Amino acid sequence: MPDIQLGAHTVKSHGIQIARTHMHDWLILLLLVVIEVVLNVIEPFHRFVGKDMLTDLSYPLQDNTVPIWAVPIVAILLPMAIILVYYFIRRNVYDMHHAILGLLFSVLITGVITDAIKDAVGRPRPDFFWRCFPDGKGVFHPVTSDVMCTGVKSVIKEGHKSFPSGHTSWSFAGLGFLALYLSGKVRVFDRRGHVAKLCIVFLPLLVAALVAVSRVDDYWHHWQDVFAGALIGLTVASFCYLQFFPPPYDVDGWGPHAYFQMLAESRNGAESSNNINCFNVQQSELESVYIDSQHGTETSRVNTRDTRPMLEGA
């Protein structure tokens, strides 16, 4: 297990370097935002809805228990706040950057997948009848018996976006990522049997599940829509988390891959530098010995040459 260096890698010291390294990832996030906007603007597929099919689509039209504006708060801002709190405790910019990047990828990829399927499937919501006929008087095509809606166009458009649930997929993407993040931080799989740690991990998933249940209670989604949305959100969250962090059950599950890679490169660089220094020291010592030996030989030769005449003269 690599050494933990706390307080050594902050936004000020390493933030710009990390941001430059992952510049392309942030650009891809912007592209996902653009795709998400386009998917919400285009018209979804209008599935055939006959007169005899409205039995299960005549639930009352009512407001959302969880408003649309609350979903980004629950799925993005809440996990991000917890990630920032952990950064101020540990001062590890690698963890903060990769956690936020993974969280945003998780939510945006989930959003693109969800809305693409919504537009392609065009499944009517349980309250479709009242969206289509706000006055309660059905109008149908004389030949095909397909509905001929008389309601507000924007309300009817939303009525064709039942499968899968966007509230549910976004919630499970963001809070599912948070659950995995907390699993690694509290080391929930350390085999010490601290069940209280599981409560910390399951809490975000419980919040996501309550959001999903509210969609069925409000008659905005069928149960299949909610189930599919939860599956998409959790799957994408798992992939995005493992892209940046080891599995929570790993001995190094508390930190991102990039942090341990940086430590390994620093250690290898220090070892290679020490080896080079040792080699230079050894080489200089050998050279000095060689020079000393050469000087000794020269001295002996000079002494020999100088003493011969003296002996002969004597």
C-alpha atoms as a PDB file:
ATOM      1  CA  MET A   1       0.000   0.000   0.000  1.00  0.00           C
ATOM      2  CA  PRO A   2       1.570   3.328  -1.069  1.00  0.00           C
ATOM      3  CA  ASP A   3       2.467   5.927   1.512  1.00  0.00           C
ATOM      4  CA  ILE A   4      -0.264   8.452   2.217  1.00  0.00           C
ATOM      5  CA  GLN A   5       0.952  11.997   1.722  1.00  0.00           C
ATOM      6  CA  LEU A   6      -1.616  14.325   3.218  1.00  0.00           C
ATOM      7  CA  GLY A   7      -1.612  18.067   2.712  1.00  0.00           C
ATOM      8  CA  ALA A   8       0.963  17.862  -0.069  1.00  0.00           C
ATOM      9  CA  HIS A   9      -1.284  18.044  -3.133  1.00  0.00           C
ATOM     10  CA  THR A  10      -3.654  21.010  -3.104  1.00  0.00           C
ATOM     11  CA  VAL A  11      -5.480  22.990  -5.770  1.00  0.00           C
ATOM     12  CA  LYS A  12      -2.801  25.674  -5.544  1.00  0.00           C
ATOM     13  CA  SER A  13       0.137  23.305  -5.960  1.00  0.00           C
ATOM     14  CA  HIS A  14      -1.213  20.738  -8.447  1.00  0.00           C
ATOM     15  CA  GLY A  15      -4.602  22.030  -9.661  1.00  0.00           C
ATOM     16  CA  ILE A  16      -3.464  23.599 -12.942  1.00  0.00           C
ATOM     17  CA  GLN A  17      -1.373  20.581 -13.848  1.00  0.00           C
ATOM     18  CA  ILE A  18      -4.253  18.154 -13.303  1.00  0.00           C
ATOM     19  CA  ALA A  19      -6.721  20.367 -15.177  1.00  0.00           C
ATOM     20  CA  ARG A  20      -4.409  20.539 -18.181  1.00  0.00           C
ATOM     21  CA  THR A  21      -3.931  16.780 -18.159  1.00  0.00           C
ATOM     22  CA  HIS A  22      -7.710  16.218 -18.250  1.00  0.00           C
ATOM     23  CA  MET A  23      -8.619  19.130 -20.523  1.00  0.00           C
ATOM     24  CA  HIS A  24     -10.066  16.754 -23.133  1.00  0.00           C
ATOM     25  CA  ASP A  25     -12.332  15.179 -20.501  1.00  0.00           C
ATOM     26  CA  TRP A  26     -13.826  18.560 -19.634  1.00  0.00           C
ATOM     27  CA  LEU A  27     -14.369  19.272 -23.322  1.00  0.00           C
ATOM     28  CA  ILE A  28     -16.231  15.976 -23.676  1.00  0.00           C
ATOM     29  CA  LEU A  29     -18.415  17.009 -20.740  1.00  0.00           C
ATOM     30  CA  LEU A  30     -19.362  20.182 -22.608  1.00  0.00           C
ATOM     31  CA  LEU A  31     -20.225  18.081 -25.646  1.00  0.00           C
ATOM     32  CA  LEU A  32     -22.473  15.893 -23.491  1.00  0.00           C
ATOM     33  CA  VAL A  33     -24.250  19.023 -22.213  1.00  0.00           C
ATOM     34  CA  VAL A  34     -24.927  20.118 -25.799  1.00  0.00           C
ATOM     35  CA  ILE A  35     -26.255  16.664 -26.726  1.00  0.00           C
ATOM     36  CA  GLU A  36     -28.473  16.670 -23.642  1.00  0.00           C
ATOM     37  CA  VAL A  37     -29.964  20.038 -24.617  1.00  0.00           C
ATOM     38  CA  VAL A  38     -30.638  18.834 -28.168  1.00  0.00           C
ATOM     39  CA  LEU A  39     -32.349  15.660 -26.932  1.00  0.00           C
ATOM     40  CA  ASN A  40     -34.703  17.750 -24.794  1.00  0.00           C
ATOM     41  CA  VAL A  41     -35.561  20.083 -27.675  1.00  0.00           C
ATOM     42  CA  ILE A  42     -36.395  17.530 -30.370  1.00  0.00           C
ATOM     43  CA  GLU A  43     -39.843  15.968 -30.592  1.00  0.00           C
ATOM     44  CA  PRO A  44     -40.133  12.431 -29.206  1.00  0.00           C
ATOM     45  CA  PHE A  45     -41.680   9.555 -31.128  1.00  0.00           C
ATOM     46  CA  HIS A  46     -45.487   9.668 -30.909  1.00  0.00           C
ATOM     47  CA  ARG A  47     -46.541   6.104 -30.258  1.00  0.00           C
ATOM     48  CA  PHE A  48     -49.966   4.976 -31.396  1.00  0.00           C
ATOM     49  CA  VAL A  49     -52.538   5.325 -28.609  1.00  0.00           C
ATOM     50  CA  GLY A  50     -55.936   3.843 -29.426  1.00  0.00           C
ATOM     51  CA  LYS A  51     -59.233   4.434 -27.668  1.00  0.00           C
ATOM     52  CA  ASP A  52     -59.107   1.074 -25.905  1.00  0.00           C
ATOM     53  CA  MET A  53     -55.535   1.704 -24.675  1.00  0.00           C
ATOM     54  CA  LEU A  54     -56.396   4.669 -22.465  1.00  0.00           C
ATOM     55  CA  THR A  55     -57.561   2.558 -19.512  1.00  0.00           C
ATOM     56  CA  ASP A  56     -54.075   2.482 -17.982  1.00  0.00           C
ATOM     57  CA  LEU A  57     -53.266   6.020 -19.153  1.00  0.00           C
ATOM     58  CA  SER A  58     -56.073   7.912 -17.444  1.00  0.00           C
ATOM     59  CA  TYR A  59     -54.529   8.613 -14.040  1.00  0.00           C
ATOM     60  CA  PRO A  60     -54.921  12.188 -12.774  1.00  0.00           C
ATOM     61  CA  LEU A  61     -52.456  14.853 -13.870  1.00  0.00           C
ATOM     62  CA  GLN A  62     -50.762  16.352 -10.825  1.00  0.00           C
ATOM     63  CA  ASP A  63     -47.620  18.207  -9.792  1.00  0.00           C
ATOM     64  CA  ASN A  64     -44.267  16.597  -9.057  1.00  0.00           C
ATOM     65  CA  THR A  65     -43.480  15.737  -5.451  1.00  0.00           C
ATOM     66  CA  VAL A  66     -39.806  16.189  -6.376  1.00  0.00           C
ATOM     67  CA  PRO A  67     -39.584  19.177  -8.755  1.00  0.00           C
ATOM     68  CA  ILE A  68     -37.297  19.058 -11.765  1.00  0.00           C
ATOM     69  CA  TRP A  69     -35.053  21.786 -10.309  1.00  0.00           C
ATOM     70  CA  ALA A  70     -34.495  19.665  -7.191  1.00  0.00           C
ATOM     71  CA  VAL A  71     -32.984  16.734  -9.116  1.00  0.00           C
ATOM     72  CA  PRO A  72     -29.627  18.457  -9.904  1.00  0.00           C
ATOM     73  CA  ILE A  73     -29.411  19.531  -6.265  1.00  0.00           C
ATOM     74  CA  VAL A  74     -29.877  15.965  -5.044  1.00  0.00           C
ATOM     75  CA  ALA A  75     -27.873  14.219  -7.763  1.00  0.00           C
ATOM     76  CA  ILE A  76     -25.026  16.702  -8.314  1.00  0.00           C
ATOM     77  CA  LEU A  77     -24.698  19.456  -5.712  1.00  0.00           C
ATOM     78  CA  LEU A  78     -25.156  17.217  -2.669  1.00  0.00           C
ATOM     79  CA  PRO A  79     -22.468  14.676  -3.699  1.00  0.00           C
ATOM     80  CA  MET A  80     -20.207  17.527  -4.801  1.00  0.00           C
ATOM     81  CA  ALA A  81     -20.545  19.196  -1.407  1.00  0.00           C
ATOM     82  CA  ILE A  82     -19.476  15.988   0.343  1.00  0.00           C
ATOM     83  CA  ILE A  83     -16.510  15.643  -2.032  1.00  0.00           C
ATOM     84  CA  LEU A  84     -15.418  19.205  -1.240  1.00  0.00           C
ATOM     85  CA  VAL A  85     -15.724  18.597   2.498  1.00  0.00           C
ATOM     86  CA  TYR A  86     -13.426  15.584   2.137  1.00  0.00           C
ATOM     87  CA  TYR A  87     -10.948  17.724   0.198  1.00  0.00           C
ATOM     88  CA  PHE A  88     -10.750  20.331   2.967  1.00  0.00           C
ATOM     89  CA  ILE A  89     -10.070  17.503   5.418  1.00  0.00           C
ATOM     90  CA  ARG A  90      -7.457  15.597   3.394  1.00  0.00           C
ATOM     91  CA  ARG A  91      -6.159  18.275   1.010  1.00  0.00           C
ATOM     92  CA  ASN A  92      -5.896  15.824  -1.896  1.00  0.00           C
ATOM     93  CA  VAL A  93      -6.657  17.598  -5.174  1.00  0.00           C
ATOM     94  CA  TYR A  94      -6.355  14.341  -7.110  1.00  0.00           C
ATOM     95  CA  ASP A  95      -9.266  12.897  -5.152  1.00  0.00           C
ATOM     96  CA  MET A  96     -11.403  16.019  -5.484  1.00  0.00           C
ATOM     97  CA  HIS A  97     -10.799  16.534  -9.194  1.00  0.00           C
ATOM     98  CA  HIS A  98     -11.389  12.936 -10.218  1.00  0.00           C
ATOM     99  CA  ALA A  99     -14.411  12.546  -7.944  1.00  0.00           C
ATOM    100  CA  ILE A 100     -16.102  15.646  -9.395  1.00  0.00           C
ATOM    101  CA  LEU A 101     -15.152  14.635 -12.937  1.00  0.00           C
ATOM    102  CA  GLY A 102     -16.483  11.109 -12.410  1.00  0.00           C
ATOM    103  CA  LEU A 103     -19.679  12.433 -10.835  1.00  0.00           C
ATOM    104  CA  LEU A 104     -20.383  14.786 -13.748  1.00  0.00           C
ATOM    105  CA  PHE A 105     -19.635  12.075 -16.295  1.00  0.00           C
ATOM    106  CA  SER A 106     -21.933   9.714 -14.438  1.00  0.00           C
ATOM    107  CA  VAL A 107     -24.873  12.123 -14.442  1.00  0.00           C
ATOM    108  CA  LEU A 108     -24.414  13.479 -17.968  1.00  0.00           C
ATOM    109  CA  ILE A 109     -23.864  10.102 -19.634  1.00  0.00           C
ATOM    110  CA  THR A 110     -26.928   8.823 -17.802  1.00  0.00           C
ATOM    111  CA  GLY A 111     -28.911  11.855 -18.934  1.00  0.00           C
ATOM    112  CA  VAL A 112     -27.939  11.379 -22.580  1.00  0.00           C
ATOM    113  CA  ILE A 113     -28.779   7.654 -22.512  1.00  0.00           C
ATOM    114  CA  THR A 114     -32.079   8.265 -20.716  1.00  0.00           C
ATOM    115  CA  ASP A 115     -33.291  11.072 -22.979  1.00  0.00           C
ATOM    116  CA  ALA A 116     -32.191   9.282 -26.131  1.00  0.00           C
ATOM    117  CA  ILE A 117     -34.270   6.262 -25.129  1.00  0.00           C
ATOM    118  CA  LYS A 118     -37.172   8.524 -24.126  1.00  0.00           C
ATOM    119  CA  ASP A 119     -37.264  10.149 -27.568  1.00  0.00           C
ATOM    120  CA  ALA A 120     -36.884   6.841 -29.382  1.00  0.00           C
ATOM    121  CA  VAL A 121     -39.501   4.871 -27.416  1.00  0.00           C
ATOM    122  CA  GLY A 122     -42.146   7.576 -26.917  1.00  0.00           C
ATOM    123  CA  ARG A 123     -44.063   5.647 -24.269  1.00  0.00           C
ATOM    124  CA  PRO A 124     -47.127   7.553 -22.951  1.00  0.00           C
ATOM    125  CA  ARG A 125     -47.174   8.497 -19.289  1.00  0.00           C
ATOM    126  CA  PRO A 126     -49.872   7.137 -16.943  1.00  0.00           C
ATOM    127  CA  ASP A 127     -51.587  10.563 -17.023  1.00  0.00           C
ATOM    128  CA  PHE A 128     -51.481  10.792 -20.830  1.00  0.00           C
ATOM    129  CA  PHE A 129     -55.274  11.045 -21.260  1.00  0.00           C
ATOM    130  CA  TRP A 130     -55.504  14.298 -19.282  1.00  0.00           C
ATOM    131  CA  ARG A 131     -52.468  15.715 -21.058  1.00  0.00           C
ATOM    132  CA  CYS A 132     -54.043  14.914 -24.395  1.00  0.00           C
ATOM    133  CA  PHE A 133     -57.600  15.907 -23.483  1.00  0.00           C
ATOM    134  CA  PRO A 134     -57.533  18.467 -20.633  1.00  0.00           C
ATOM    135  CA  ASP A 135     -61.305  18.960 -20.947  1.00  0.00           C
ATOM    136  CA  GLY A 136     -61.918  15.210 -20.540  1.00  0.00           C
ATOM    137  CA  LYS A 137     -63.479  14.818 -24.016  1.00  0.00           C
ATOM    138  CA  GLY A 138     -61.596  12.333 -26.166  1.00  0.00           C
ATOM    139  CA  VAL A 139     -61.123  12.962 -29.866  1.00  0.00           C
ATOM    140  CA  PHE A 140     -59.983  10.078 -32.076  1.00  0.00           C
ATOM    141  CA  HIS A 141     -59.125   9.477 -35.694  1.00  0.00           C
ATOM    142  CA  PRO A 142     -62.159   8.104 -37.509  1.00  0.00           C
ATOM    143  CA  VAL A 143     -60.197   5.340 -39.242  1.00  0.00           C
ATOM    144  CA  THR A 144     -57.270   4.346 -36.986  1.00  0.00           C
ATOM    145  CA  SER A 145     -58.867   5.394 -33.671  1.00  0.00           C
ATOM    146  CA  ASP A 146     -55.582   7.085 -32.739  1.00  0.00           C
ATOM    147  CA  VAL A 147     -55.833   9.992 -30.325  1.00  0.00           C
ATOM    148  CA  MET A 148     -56.111  13.508 -31.743  1.00  0.00           C
ATOM    149  CA  CYS A 149     -54.892  15.565 -28.802  1.00  0.00           C
ATOM    150  CA  THR A 150     -56.414  18.955 -28.039  1.00  0.00           C
ATOM    151  CA  GLY A 151     -54.158  19.935 -25.124  1.00  0.00           C
ATOM    152  CA  VAL A 152     -51.111  22.173 -24.849  1.00  0.00           C
ATOM    153  CA  LYS A 153     -48.350  21.030 -27.199  1.00  0.00           C
ATOM    154  CA  SER A 154     -45.541  21.174 -24.607  1.00  0.00           C
ATOM    155  CA  VAL A 155     -47.610  19.181 -22.106  1.00  0.00           C
ATOM    156  CA  ILE A 156     -48.424  16.568 -24.744  1.00  0.00           C
ATOM    157  CA  LYS A 157     -44.742  16.377 -25.692  1.00  0.00           C
ATOM    158  CA  GLU A 158     -43.820  15.516 -22.108  1.00  0.00           C
ATOM    159  CA  GLY A 159     -46.604  12.941 -22.118  1.00  0.00           C
ATOM    160  CA  HIS A 160     -44.613  10.850 -24.625  1.00  0.00           C
ATOM    161  CA  LYS A 161     -41.507  10.624 -22.398  1.00  0.00           C
ATOM    162  CA  SER A 162     -42.401   8.001 -19.839  1.00  0.00           C
ATOM    163  CA  PHE A 163     -39.693   5.364 -20.439  1.00  0.00           C
ATOM    164  CA  PRO A 164     -37.255   5.441 -18.690  1.00  0.00           C
ATOM    165  CA  SER A 165     -37.616   7.756 -15.694  1.00  0.00           C
ATOM    166  CA  GLY A 166     -35.216  10.706 -15.865  1.00  0.00           C
ATOM    167  CA  HIS A 167     -35.683  11.672 -12.216  1.00  0.00           C
ATOM    168  CA  THR A 168     -34.788   8.116 -11.210  1.00  0.00           C
ATOM    169  CA  SER A 169     -31.803   7.626 -13.522  1.00  0.00           C
ATOM    170  CA  TRP A 170     -30.244  10.969 -12.574  1.00  0.00           C
ATOM    171  CA  SER A 171     -30.763  10.321  -8.863  1.00  0.00           C
ATOM    172  CA  PHE A 172     -29.242   6.851  -8.977  1.00  0.00           C
ATOM    173  CA  ALA A 173     -26.367   8.080 -11.162  1.00  0.00           C
ATOM    174  CA  GLY A 174     -25.341  10.868  -8.787  1.00  0.00           C
ATOM    175  CA  LEU A 175     -26.223   9.241  -5.464  1.00  0.00           C
ATOM    176  CA  GLY A 176     -25.012   5.838  -6.660  1.00  0.00           C
ATOM    177  CA  PHE A 177     -21.635   7.408  -7.430  1.00  0.00           C
ATOM    178  CA  LEU A 178     -21.705   9.001  -3.973  1.00  0.00           C
ATOM    179  CA  ALA A 179     -22.435   5.613  -2.373  1.00  0.00           C
ATOM    180  CA  LEU A 180     -19.403   4.076  -4.096  1.00  0.00           C
ATOM    181  CA  TYR A 181     -17.272   7.088  -3.147  1.00  0.00           C
ATOM    182  CA  LEU A 182     -18.254   6.804   0.511  1.00  0.00           C
ATOM    183  CA  SER A 183     -17.663   3.036   0.426  1.00  0.00           C
ATOM    184  CA  GLY A 184     -14.037   3.622  -0.434  1.00  0.00           C
ATOM    185  CA  LYS A 185     -13.553   6.463   2.015  1.00  0.00           C
ATOM    186  CA  VAL A 186     -14.977   4.680   5.084  1.00  0.00           C
ATOM    187  CA  ARG A 187     -13.486   1.331   3.925  1.00  0.00           C
ATOM    188  CA  VAL A 188     -16.781  -0.442   4.299  1.00  0.00           C
ATOM    189  CA  PHE A 189     -15.277  -3.743   3.099  1.00  0.00           C
ATOM    190  CA  ASP A 190     -12.354  -3.873   5.549  1.00  0.00           C
ATOM    191  CA  ARG A 191     -13.718  -7.183   7.003  1.00  0.00           C
ATOM    192  CA  ARG A 192     -14.024  -5.763  10.493  1.00  0.00           C
ATOM    193  CA  GLY A 193     -17.780  -6.174  10.618  1.00  0.00           C
ATOM    194  CA  HIS A 194     -18.735  -2.525  11.213  1.00  0.00           C
ATOM    195  CA  VAL A 195     -22.311  -2.659   9.920  1.00  0.00           C
ATOM    196  CA  ALA A 196     -22.785   1.028  10.772  1.00  0.00           C
ATOM    197  CA  LYS A 197     -20.633   1.823   7.733  1.00  0.00           C
ATOM    198  CA  LEU A 198     -23.240   0.173   5.529  1.00  0.00           C
ATOM    199  CA  CYS A 199     -25.834   2.619   6.809  1.00  0.00           C
ATOM    200  CA  ILE A 200     -23.678   5.490   5.554  1.00  0.00           C
ATOM    201  CA  VAL A 201     -23.401   3.848   2.140  1.00  0.00           C
ATOM    202  CA  PHE A 202     -27.079   2.908   1.848  1.00  0.00           C
ATOM    203  CA  LEU A 203     -28.356   6.367   2.808  1.00  0.00           C
ATOM    204  CA  PRO A 204     -27.751   7.947  -0.636  1.00  0.00           C
ATOM    205  CA  LEU A 205     -29.349   4.923  -2.307  1.00  0.00           C
ATOM    206  CA  LEU A 206     -32.385   5.278  -0.034  1.00  0.00           C
ATOM    207  CA  VAL A 207     -32.786   8.913  -1.095  1.00  0.00           C
ATOM    208  CA  ALA A 208     -32.580   7.877  -4.750  1.00  0.00           C
ATOM    209  CA  ALA A 209     -35.147   5.129  -4.156  1.00  0.00           C
ATOM    210  CA  LEU A 210     -37.556   7.613  -2.559  1.00  0.00           C
ATOM    211  CA  VAL A 211     -37.230   9.885  -5.568  1.00  0.00           C
ATOM    212  CA  ALA A 212     -38.039   6.894  -7.788  1.00  0.00           C
ATOM    213  CA  VAL A 213     -41.099   5.944  -5.724  1.00  0.00           C
ATOM    214  CA  SER A 214     -42.401   9.513  -5.933  1.00  0.00           C
ATOM    215  CA  ARG A 215     -42.496   9.236  -9.731  1.00  0.00           C
ATOM    216  CA  VAL A 216     -44.914   6.318  -9.510  1.00  0.00           C
ATOM    217  CA  ASP A 217     -46.964   7.975  -6.759  1.00  0.00           C
ATOM    218  CA  ASP A 218     -47.339  11.122  -8.875  1.00  0.00           C
ATOM    219  CA  TYR A 219     -48.510   9.029 -11.875  1.00  0.00           C
ATOM    220  CA  TRP A 220     -45.725  10.398 -14.045  1.00  0.00           C
ATOM    221  CA  HIS A 221     -44.177   6.970 -14.633  1.00  0.00           C
ATOM    222  CA  HIS A 222     -44.983   3.284 -14.762  1.00  0.00           C
ATOM    223  CA  TRP A 223     -43.026   0.998 -12.452  1.00  0.00           C
ATOM    224  CA  GLN A 224     -41.050  -0.368 -15.415  1.00  0.00           C
ATOM    225  CA  ASP A 225     -39.856   3.174 -16.196  1.00  0.00           C
ATOM    226  CA  VAL A 226     -38.542   3.600 -12.681  1.00  0.00           C
ATOM    227  CA  PHE A 227     -36.849   0.190 -12.627  1.00  0.00           C
ATOM    228  CA  ALA A 228     -35.099   0.846 -15.941  1.00  0.00           C
ATOM    229  CA  GLY A 229     -34.017   4.324 -14.826  1.00  0.00           C
ATOM    230  CA  ALA A 230     -32.472   2.982 -11.618  1.00  0.00           C
ATOM    231  CA  LEU A 231     -30.651   0.257 -13.561  1.00  0.00           C
ATOM    232  CA  ILE A 232     -29.222   2.744 -16.062  1.00  0.00           C
ATOM    233  CA  GLY A 233     -28.124   5.170 -13.346  1.00  0.00           C
ATOM    234  CA  LEU A 234     -26.401   2.553 -11.176  1.00  0.00           C
ATOM    235  CA  THR A 235     -24.677   0.917 -14.154  1.00  0.00           C
ATOM    236  CA  VAL A 236     -23.261   4.161 -15.505  1.00  0.00           C
ATOM    237  CA  ALA A 237     -22.246   5.300 -12.006  1.00  0.00           C
ATOM    238  CA  SER A 238     -20.317   2.058 -11.461  1.00  0.00           C
ATOM    239  CA  PHE A 239     -18.456   2.362 -14.758  1.00  0.00           C
ATOM    240  CA  CYS A 240     -17.582   6.019 -14.178  1.00  0.00           C
ATOM    241  CA  TYR A 241     -16.436   5.410 -10.612  1.00  0.00           C
ATOM    242  CA  LEU A 242     -14.167   2.503 -11.576  1.00  0.00           C
ATOM    243  CA  GLN A 243     -12.681   4.636 -14.333  1.00  0.00           C
ATOM    244  CA  PHE A 244     -11.159   6.939 -11.711  1.00  0.00           C
ATOM    245  CA  PHE A 245     -11.042   4.886  -8.479  1.00  0.00           C
ATOM    246  CA  PRO A 246     -10.176   1.305  -7.477  1.00  0.00           C
ATOM    247  CA  PRO A 247     -13.078  -0.912  -6.347  1.00  0.00           C
ATOM    248  CA  PRO A 248     -14.250  -0.037  -2.809  1.00  0.00           C
ATOM    249  CA  TYR A 249     -13.146  -3.457  -1.536  1.00  0.00           C
ATOM    250  CA  ASP A 250      -9.570  -2.881  -2.755  1.00  0.00           C
ATOM    251  CA  VAL A 251      -6.877  -2.112  -0.176  1.00  0.00           C
ATOM    252  CA  ASP A 252      -6.289   1.195  -2.008  1.00  0.00           C
ATOM    253  CA  GLY A 253      -9.993   1.866  -2.530  1.00  0.00           C
ATOM    254  CA  TRP A 254      -9.821   5.124  -0.572  1.00  0.00           C
ATOM    255  CA  GLY A 255      -7.950   7.060  -3.302  1.00  0.00           C
ATOM    256  CA  PRO A 256      -8.010   7.620  -7.079  1.00  0.00           C
ATOM    257  CA  HIS A 257      -5.804   5.770  -9.570  1.00  0.00           C
ATOM    258  CA  ALA A 258      -4.050   8.997 -10.556  1.00  0.00           C
ATOM    259  CA  TYR A 259      -2.903   9.645  -6.995  1.00  0.00           C
ATOM    260  CA  PHE A 260      -1.196   6.269  -6.655  1.00  0.00           C
ATOM    261  CA  GLN A 261       0.280   6.599 -10.131  1.00  0.00           C
ATOM    262  CA  MET A 262       1.738   9.958  -9.159  1.00  0.00           C
ATOM    263  CA  LEU A 263       3.239   8.451  -5.997  1.00  0.00           C
ATOM    264  CA  ALA A 264       4.753   5.583  -7.976  1.00  0.00           C
ATOM    265  CA  GLU A 265       6.271   7.952 -10.537  1.00  0.00           C
ATOM    266  CA  SER A 266       7.671  10.172  -7.780  1.00  0.00           C
ATOM    267  CA  ARG A 267       9.161   7.168  -6.018  1.00  0.00           C
ATOM    268  CA  ASN A 268      10.669   5.796  -9.224  1.00  0.00           C
ATOM    269  CA  GLY A 269      12.049   9.220 -10.078  1.00  0.00           C
ATOM    270  CA  ALA A 270      13.640   9.532  -6.642  1.00  0.00           C
ATOM    271  CA  GLU A 271      15.146   6.046  -6.869  1.00  0.00           C
ATOM    272  CA  SER A 272      16.542   6.668 -10.360  1.00  0.00           C
ATOM    273  CA  SER A 273      17.965   9.999  -9.171  1.00  0.00           C
ATOM    274  CA  ASN A 274      19.615   8.283  -6.218  1.00  0.00           C
ATOM    275  CA  ASN A 275      20.994   5.583  -8.489  1.00  0.00           C
ATOM    276  CA  ILE A 276      22.404   8.201 -10.851  1.00  0.00           C
ATOM    277  CA  ASN A 277      23.963  10.094  -7.936  1.00  0.00           C
ATOM    278  CA  CYS A 278      25.466   6.895  -6.555  1.00  0.00           C
ATOM    279  CA  PHE A 279      26.804   6.020  -9.997  1.00  0.00           C
ATOM    280  CA  ASN A 280      28.322   9.484 -10.399  1.00  0.00           C
ATOM    281  CA  VAL A 281      29.904   9.264  -6.950  1.00  0.00           C
ATOM    282  CA  GLN A 282      31.333   5.825  -7.652  1.00  0.00           C
ATOM    283  CA  GLN A 283      32.603   6.903 -11.056  1.00  0.00           C
ATOM    284  CA  SER A 284      34.253  10.023  -9.615  1.00  0.00           C
ATOM    285  CA  GLU A 285      35.879   7.908  -6.932  1.00  0.00           C
ATOM    286  CA  LEU A 286      37.221   5.506  -9.546  1.00  0.00           C
ATOM    287  CA  GLU A 287      38.515   8.394 -11.612  1.00  0.00           C
ATOM    288  CA  SER A 288      40.259   9.891  -8.601  1.00  0.00           C
ATOM    289  CA  VAL A 289      41.830   6.542  -7.789  1.00  0.00           C
ATOM    290  CA  TYR A 290      42.907   6.154 -11.391  1.00  0.00           C
ATOM    291  CA  ILE A 291      44.355   9.671 -11.470  1.00  0.00           C
ATOM    292  CA  ASP A 292      46.105   9.101  -8.151  1.00  0.00           C
ATOM    293  CA  SER A 293      47.571   5.862  -9.460  1.00  0.00           C
ATOM    294  CA  GLN A 294      48.693   7.629 -12.647  1.00  0.00           C
ATOM    295  CA  HIS A 295      50.321  10.386 -10.599  1.00  0.00           C
ATOM    296  CA  GLY A 296      52.032   7.763  -8.496  1.00  0.00           C
ATOM    297  CA  THR A 297      53.439   6.088 -11.573  1.00  0.00           C
ATOM    298  CA  GLU A 298      54.644   9.354 -13.033  1.00  0.00           C
ATOM    299  CA  THR A 299      56.256  10.264  -9.732  1.00  0.00           C
ATOM    300  CA  SER A 300      58.028   6.985  -9.503  1.00  0.00           C
ATOM    301  CA  ARG A 301      59.216   7.338 -13.063  1.00  0.00           C
ATOM    302  CA  VAL A 302      60.511  10.839 -12.397  1.00  0.00           C
ATOM    303  CA  ASN A 303      62.175   9.721  -9.231  1.00  0.00           C
ATOM    304  CA  THR A 304      63.867   6.865 -11.059  1.00  0.00           C
ATOM    305  CA  ARG A 305      65.144   9.068 -13.811  1.00  0.00           C
ATOM    306  CA  ASP A 306      66.432  11.647 -11.346  1.00  0.00           C
ATOM    307  CA  THR A 307      68.193   9.222  -9.027  1.00  0.00           C
ATOM    308  CA  ARG A 308      70.149   7.321 -11.657  1.00  0.00           C
ATOM    309  CA  PRO A 309      72.562  10.161 -12.489  1.00  0.00           C
ATOM    310  CA  MET A 310      73.043  10.858  -8.853  1.00  0.00           C
ATOM    311  CA  LEU A 311      74.047   7.246  -8.175  1.00  0.00           C
ATOM    312  CA  GLU A 312      76.281   7.094 -11.207  1.00  0.00           C
ATOM    313  CA  GLY A 313      77.965  10.333 -10.254  1.00  0.00           C
ATOM    314  CA  ALA A 314      78.632   9.030  -6.780  1.00  0.00           C
END
